Every structure is written in structure tokens, then in C-alpha cells.
Amino acid sequence: MGPVDVVTVDANGTLGRQAVATAGAIDSVRLSMTHIAAVTDAQFGALGDRVGLLESGLLVSTFDSTISTR
């Protein structure tokens, strides 16, 4: 995969070409996506469990604080 170019057209109808991504930039994005893809379903599941625990803890503490202020 090489650089990505776009075709430009100015107000007079003159065509031009401009690079929007270099081969290095494309490689950098590819490496970043590989790192993201390395996250497993199990890791997402564990994160979901942790968020659920935080949410339930916040609900309990909010409920307790409303009782103690009355």
C-alpha cells in the first residue's frame, strides 16, 4: 500500500493532485489498529463487569446519602 492522493479542482477548473497520507502515516495507523484489535472479548467483558460494579456502587451511595440527609 502506498501514499494516498486526492484530485483537486480549483475555481478555474484546473485539476491538481495532493498527497493526503504518506506511506509512513498509513503504517502508523495500521500499527495502531493492530494494537486496538489485540483487545480481546474477555477484556471487554471484564471492563463491562467493572463498570457495572461502579454503577451499582454509585446507586447505593446515592441512595444512602439521600436517606441520611432527611
N, C-alpha and C. Protein backbone atom coordinates (compact mmCIF):
# COMPACT_ATOMS: atom_id res chain seq x y z
N MET A 1 0.86 -1.16 0.00
CA MET A 1 0.00 0.00 0.00
C MET A 1 0.90 1.23 0.00
N GLY A 2 0.60 2.18 -0.85
CA GLY A 2 1.43 3.38 -0.96
C GLY A 2 0.71 4.61 -0.48
N PRO A 3 1.25 5.78 -0.84
CA PRO A 3 0.62 7.03 -0.43
C PRO A 3 -0.77 7.19 -1.03
N VAL A 4 -1.60 7.97 -0.35
CA VAL A 4 -2.95 8.24 -0.83
C VAL A 4 -2.98 9.67 -1.34
N ASP A 5 -3.46 9.85 -2.58
CA ASP A 5 -3.57 11.17 -3.20
C ASP A 5 -5.04 11.47 -3.47
N VAL A 6 -5.35 12.75 -3.54
CA VAL A 6 -6.68 13.19 -3.95
C VAL A 6 -6.53 14.12 -5.14
N VAL A 7 -7.58 14.16 -5.94
CA VAL A 7 -7.63 15.08 -7.08
C VAL A 7 -8.33 16.34 -6.61
N THR A 8 -7.73 17.49 -6.93
CA THR A 8 -8.33 18.77 -6.57
C THR A 8 -8.73 19.51 -7.84
N VAL A 9 -9.73 20.37 -7.71
CA VAL A 9 -10.18 21.21 -8.82
C VAL A 9 -10.32 22.62 -8.28
N ASP A 10 -9.65 23.59 -8.93
CA ASP A 10 -9.78 24.96 -8.46
C ASP A 10 -10.96 25.65 -9.14
N ALA A 11 -11.17 26.93 -8.84
CA ALA A 11 -12.31 27.67 -9.37
C ALA A 11 -12.29 27.78 -10.89
N ASN A 12 -11.10 27.69 -11.50
CA ASN A 12 -10.98 27.77 -12.96
C ASN A 12 -11.12 26.41 -13.63
N GLY A 13 -11.31 25.36 -12.85
CA GLY A 13 -11.43 24.02 -13.42
C GLY A 13 -10.11 23.31 -13.62
N THR A 14 -9.03 23.88 -13.11
CA THR A 14 -7.72 23.26 -13.24
C THR A 14 -7.60 22.10 -12.25
N LEU A 15 -7.21 20.95 -12.79
CA LEU A 15 -7.05 19.76 -11.94
C LEU A 15 -5.68 19.77 -11.28
N GLY A 16 -5.65 19.26 -10.08
CA GLY A 16 -4.39 19.12 -9.36
C GLY A 16 -4.40 17.82 -8.56
N ARG A 17 -3.29 17.54 -7.95
CA ARG A 17 -3.17 16.33 -7.14
C ARG A 17 -2.46 16.68 -5.84
N GLN A 18 -2.95 16.12 -4.74
CA GLN A 18 -2.36 16.42 -3.44
C GLN A 18 -2.30 15.14 -2.61
N ALA A 19 -1.16 14.92 -1.98
CA ALA A 19 -1.00 13.76 -1.11
C ALA A 19 -1.71 14.03 0.21
N VAL A 20 -2.52 13.08 0.67
CA VAL A 20 -3.21 13.24 1.95
C VAL A 20 -2.69 12.27 3.00
N ALA A 21 -1.98 11.25 2.57
CA ALA A 21 -1.40 10.30 3.53
C ALA A 21 -0.14 9.70 2.93
N THR A 22 0.92 9.74 3.71
CA THR A 22 2.17 9.13 3.26
C THR A 22 2.19 7.66 3.65
N ALA A 23 3.11 6.93 3.07
CA ALA A 23 3.24 5.51 3.41
C ALA A 23 3.55 5.35 4.90
N GLY A 24 4.34 6.26 5.46
CA GLY A 24 4.66 6.21 6.89
C GLY A 24 3.43 6.42 7.76
N ALA A 25 2.57 7.37 7.35
CA ALA A 25 1.35 7.63 8.10
C ALA A 25 0.41 6.43 8.05
N ILE A 26 0.34 5.81 6.88
CA ILE A 26 -0.51 4.62 6.73
C ILE A 26 0.00 3.49 7.61
N ASP A 27 1.32 3.29 7.65
CA ASP A 27 1.90 2.26 8.52
C ASP A 27 1.62 2.55 9.99
N SER A 28 1.69 3.81 10.37
CA SER A 28 1.43 4.19 11.75
C SER A 28 -0.01 3.86 12.14
N VAL A 29 -0.94 4.17 11.27
CA VAL A 29 -2.35 3.85 11.53
C VAL A 29 -2.55 2.34 11.60
N ARG A 30 -1.90 1.63 10.69
CA ARG A 30 -2.02 0.16 10.68
C ARG A 30 -1.53 -0.43 11.99
N LEU A 31 -0.39 0.05 12.49
CA LEU A 31 0.14 -0.44 13.76
C LEU A 31 -0.79 -0.11 14.92
N SER A 32 -1.38 1.08 14.90
CA SER A 32 -2.32 1.46 15.95
C SER A 32 -3.55 0.56 15.93
N MET A 33 -4.04 0.25 14.75
CA MET A 33 -5.22 -0.60 14.64
C MET A 33 -4.91 -2.02 15.10
N THR A 34 -3.69 -2.49 14.87
CA THR A 34 -3.30 -3.82 15.33
C THR A 34 -3.34 -3.86 16.85
N HIS A 35 -2.87 -2.80 17.49
CA HIS A 35 -2.89 -2.73 18.95
C HIS A 35 -4.33 -2.74 19.47
N ILE A 36 -5.22 -2.00 18.82
CA ILE A 36 -6.63 -1.97 19.23
C ILE A 36 -7.26 -3.34 19.03
N ALA A 37 -6.95 -3.99 17.92
CA ALA A 37 -7.52 -5.30 17.63
C ALA A 37 -7.04 -6.36 18.60
N ALA A 38 -5.95 -6.09 19.32
CA ALA A 38 -5.41 -7.07 20.26
C ALA A 38 -6.25 -7.16 21.53
N VAL A 39 -7.15 -6.21 21.76
CA VAL A 39 -8.03 -6.27 22.93
C VAL A 39 -9.02 -7.41 22.70
N THR A 40 -9.12 -8.29 23.67
CA THR A 40 -9.94 -9.48 23.50
C THR A 40 -11.37 -9.24 23.99
N ASP A 41 -12.25 -10.13 23.58
CA ASP A 41 -13.63 -10.08 24.07
C ASP A 41 -13.67 -10.25 25.59
N ALA A 42 -12.77 -11.07 26.12
CA ALA A 42 -12.72 -11.27 27.57
C ALA A 42 -12.37 -9.96 28.29
N GLN A 43 -11.45 -9.19 27.70
CA GLN A 43 -11.08 -7.91 28.31
C GLN A 43 -12.26 -6.94 28.28
N PHE A 44 -12.99 -6.91 27.18
CA PHE A 44 -14.18 -6.06 27.11
C PHE A 44 -15.21 -6.50 28.12
N GLY A 45 -15.39 -7.82 28.27
CA GLY A 45 -16.34 -8.34 29.24
C GLY A 45 -15.96 -7.95 30.66
N ALA A 46 -14.67 -8.06 30.98
CA ALA A 46 -14.20 -7.69 32.32
C ALA A 46 -14.42 -6.21 32.58
N LEU A 47 -14.19 -5.39 31.57
CA LEU A 47 -14.42 -3.96 31.72
C LEU A 47 -15.90 -3.68 31.96
N GLY A 48 -16.75 -4.37 31.22
CA GLY A 48 -18.20 -4.21 31.41
C GLY A 48 -18.61 -4.58 32.83
N ASP A 49 -18.02 -5.65 33.36
CA ASP A 49 -18.32 -6.06 34.74
C ASP A 49 -17.89 -4.98 35.73
N ARG A 50 -16.72 -4.41 35.51
CA ARG A 50 -16.23 -3.36 36.41
C ARG A 50 -17.12 -2.12 36.36
N VAL A 51 -17.56 -1.76 35.16
CA VAL A 51 -18.45 -0.61 35.03
C VAL A 51 -19.76 -0.89 35.76
N GLY A 52 -20.27 -2.11 35.62
CA GLY A 52 -21.49 -2.48 36.32
C GLY A 52 -21.34 -2.37 37.83
N LEU A 53 -20.20 -2.81 38.35
CA LEU A 53 -19.96 -2.70 39.80
C LEU A 53 -19.89 -1.24 40.23
N LEU A 54 -19.23 -0.42 39.42
CA LEU A 54 -19.16 1.01 39.75
C LEU A 54 -20.54 1.64 39.74
N GLU A 55 -21.33 1.31 38.73
CA GLU A 55 -22.68 1.86 38.64
C GLU A 55 -23.52 1.45 39.84
N SER A 56 -23.47 0.18 40.21
CA SER A 56 -24.27 -0.27 41.35
C SER A 56 -23.77 0.37 42.64
N GLY A 57 -22.46 0.55 42.78
CA GLY A 57 -21.92 1.22 43.95
C GLY A 57 -22.34 2.67 44.04
N LEU A 58 -22.39 3.34 42.91
CA LEU A 58 -22.82 4.74 42.89
C LEU A 58 -24.29 4.85 43.23
N LEU A 59 -25.10 3.91 42.74
CA LEU A 59 -26.52 3.94 43.06
C LEU A 59 -26.74 3.74 44.55
N VAL A 60 -26.01 2.81 45.14
CA VAL A 60 -26.15 2.55 46.57
C VAL A 60 -25.71 3.76 47.38
N SER A 61 -24.57 4.36 47.04
CA SER A 61 -24.09 5.51 47.81
C SER A 61 -25.01 6.71 47.64
N THR A 62 -25.59 6.90 46.47
CA THR A 62 -26.54 7.99 46.25
C THR A 62 -27.79 7.76 47.09
N PHE A 63 -28.26 6.53 47.11
CA PHE A 63 -29.44 6.18 47.89
C PHE A 63 -29.17 6.41 49.38
N ASP A 64 -28.02 5.99 49.87
CA ASP A 64 -27.67 6.16 51.28
C ASP A 64 -27.57 7.63 51.65
N SER A 65 -27.01 8.45 50.79
CA SER A 65 -26.85 9.86 51.12
C SER A 65 -28.19 10.58 51.17
N THR A 66 -29.17 10.15 50.37
CA THR A 66 -30.48 10.79 50.42
C THR A 66 -31.21 10.43 51.70
N ILE A 67 -30.96 9.23 52.21
CA ILE A 67 -31.59 8.82 53.47
C ILE A 67 -30.99 9.60 54.63
N SER A 68 -29.68 9.77 54.64
CA SER A 68 -29.02 10.42 55.77
C SER A 68 -29.27 11.92 55.81
N THR A 69 -29.72 12.53 54.71
CA THR A 69 -29.97 13.98 54.71
C THR A 69 -31.39 14.31 55.13
N ARG A 70 -32.20 13.32 55.35
CA ARG A 70 -33.60 13.61 55.73
C ARG A 70 -33.75 13.71 57.21
